[in-house]
Amino acid sequence: MSILGEIVEAVILAGGLGERLGPLTQDVPKILVKVRGVPILDRQIAWLKKHGVRRVVISCGHLSERIDSYVKSNDLGVKIDLSVEDKKLGTGGALKLALKRTLNDEFFVVNGDIISNVDLTRVEGYHRVKGKTATIVVVPFRSPYGIVKFSDGVLEEFKEKPTLPYWVNAGIYLICRRIESHLPIKGSLEADVFSKMGGDISVYMSEDPWMPIDTIKDLREAEAFLSKAGI
């Protein structure tokens, strides 16, 4: 069991095709797409290192050979191992496979398409207090669209661009190895695992800077985000 501030391992889930970033991801895996001249992977590892992570397992499939070549040619300051899917396993199956490469009882798990300055040390402290099998990080999201609530095909409420934020999954988790028995060979970590373990999952609410890189539009907006976030 690690003590506060000493979780040294992380798994990055980077098996997605990145189709909404096409044509950039036709020959480049999403995690190596550059945001203001720096690959997402480099930014993630710098963030993880700041919080004590010294070993990273990258779970990948699509263009995994490009990721392998990149990490062998660039010193990112941490030990990196690859867990490669032969076929799409979903985030739950991908994590189950990646556990064969992890060494510790606890580790961070991060989606490979986010840029973040979430304070992972605070997440760890919260996780210690709660004592659950996993802690998921949620962040506030203000919808740019009107929100419609309805039941049986009948409108109940319409909110035009609501001012209050909704809390959304940040794709950042702190997980204990004992989750392994809940992981499917193929399936979703979020829908097939977390949703069924509700009582054993704690939720950490963070308002630290966070941004997903899903589309070309996100890439255009990332520069302003990075400047504002001080990343």
Foldseek 3Di string as FASTA:
>chain_A
DDDQLAAAEEEEEQADQLVQAPPVSVQPGQQQDDQVHGGVVLLVLVLSVVSRHAEYEYQYEVNVVVVVVVPVVDCSRHHYHYQYDPDAFAPLLSVLSSVVVDDDQKYKYAYSFKRFNWNVSVVVVVCVVLVFQKEFEWEWDFDCAWDWDDDPPGTDDIGGRDPGTDIDTQRMMMGGPVLSVQGDNGDYCVVRRCVVPVVRYHYHYDHQQMDGDRHPVSSVCVVVSCVVNVD
